[in-house]
Amino acid sequence: MSLILCETSPGLRDSEIIATVRDITGRRHYIRVERDFLTQRIGKDYLPIGIVHIDPKTQAVLIEFSHEPDSGYNRIWINQNQLDQPVEAYA
């Protein structure tokens, strides 16, 4: 699994948090997760995601969430600079 940078806000319970991820167009996708599901690095929050595909032309990355966000999209296109580490295109 890879990690994507996200913005966070309080959830409905103390144990939850709302993670916000932007897609390649800037649209926000909100996903409610347990607070300990996120990873913190250098004061920033990261959400675990799966890498599905990398567009060889644009280097955009198709990711998959662990469960459905409020938008209903399990997969979204993102910019590679949102990831914790760069990924290379699959052969």
Foldseek 3Di string as FASTA:
>chain_A
DWKFFWDWDDDPDNQKIWTWDAFAVRDIWTDIDGPVQWDDDPRTTIHDWAWDFADPVQRWTWIAHPDATPVRDRIGTHHQVRIPDGDDGDD
